[in-house]
Amino acid sequence: MAASPAASRQSSSRSRRSGELPGAHSHQSSYDHGRTPPFSPDVYGRQLSSYSGRSSQVSRSGSFRAAAQRVAGAFTSCFVPRVQVKTEEEEVKSRGADCHVSIDSAGSGQEGRALTIADLSKATSNFSEKNIVKQGGSSTMYRGKLRDGSLIAVKCVRKLNGQYLTAELWRELETLQNVEHQNLTRLLGFFERNEDCLVVLEYVSNGTLREHLDESCGNGLDLAQRLNIAIDVAHAITYLHEYKEHPIIHGGIRSSVVLLTDALSAKVTGFGVAGMAASASGSGTGSGSDATPAKGAAGYVDPEYLSTYQMTDKSDVYSFGVLLVELVTGRPPVERSRGGEARLTTKWAVQKCRGGEAVVAMDPRMRRSPASVAAVERMLALAAQCVAAARKDRPSMRRCTEQLWTIRRDYHRREETRCAAVAEERTDEWVLR
């Protein structure tokens, strides 16, 4: 039996008073069971057709516009998620002290637990003075030991005027966390606090190259060891310049950022963290053309930077050339205690090399031999190319690496020949006796 018109009107009236839309119960139950989100294209299509059918029925009751408005309102609430938009500053601030990263446990290569600020505080005995490794004008380096026994270095960098770091710098730091090379100290994590930033690095215990050249650490370096160190550094910078994601400019190559292991292998540090507190724009990270030289890099700075205020991969090549001179002479780039031309070590050493007097610039603590003098001459000739006034005249870091490999190979061959000849002479003397 068909329902009477009066019964239909009463049913329609009850539905409108209750504020429910036809099919609402079945529609909601599918969301509750989590089968398909409300913004799924399939659900969108099915619900659209059902709502269209009901609206045609309502139109016959003479209330099409009101019904359409109600349907549109319900449709919007179902399918348009509410999104809270944060500004870049709010996004950066929200990371703050809660930021943490995963590290490899004791360098095992297997991902370990997340590292937090509380872990750093415990590892450094609440940043105790007894754990201070190095202290500078705007930063302090602490030694730390994690619960699994692995050693870390925590660099506490004071921020300039308490400025927060930008999202751009955060992205660059996240990129640097993925940089991994045997001649680069690994960036393990980065945290931001109210007054300072905490940079967590791999700990290398045998001092810096500068300390070894000064003999304040270690027992001095022979030429073979210096060549090995130069090649290690060249490999590290080449890797940064040719990094698969995007090239990274170090911006602060110098002997004090070259750390040495117990086996005298070199590990370059300072990339991405030198000058981090100096600017909230991220210009100190060294990963862009507007990077700024690190503080304390007098004598290492590309002269073209002074006119362009932009650093390129050839800026790192210039600094590497200065480092080569430093390895050969044992002197820092600028020695204020010396007078005249010898005060600027790089310029003085290059002039000696061009004048055929490379042996004069050679560190007097290194043993002289035809093989060592020939190697020093070639090292200084390469350094002269690296410090060319025009960037276009400087070689790439890959080219520097290849030349250093050749220099080391030839040096060892000559030394082996010399040693064999000396041994033969001693054997003949013994036989004659």
Foldseek 3Di string as FASTA:
>chain_A
DDDDPVVVVVVVVVCVVVLDDPPPVVVVVVVVVPPDALQDPVNVVVVVVVLVVVLVVVVVVVPNVVSVVSVVVVSCVRHPDDDDDDDQQVVQVVCAQVPWAWDDQLPPPDTDDIDHVVQVCVFQVNVDPVQWDDDDDFKTKGWGAGPSGFIKIKIKGFADVQDTATPVLVVVVVVQQPDDDPQAWHFRDWHHYRGTIITITHDAPQAWQLCQLVVVGDDHDAPLLLLQQLLSVLVVQLCQCVPPVHHFAQQEDDRRQWGAHPVRHTHGYNAQPACPRVDSHSLCNRGFQQHHHHPPRPLLAQPVCVVVNTDDQLSVLLSSLQRLLCSFQSDHQADPVDDDPVRRSLVVLLVCLVVVNNVVSGHPVYDDDPLSSVLSSQSNVLSCQSNDNDSVSHDGSVVVSVSSVVSSVSSVVVVVVVVVVVVVVVVVVVVVD
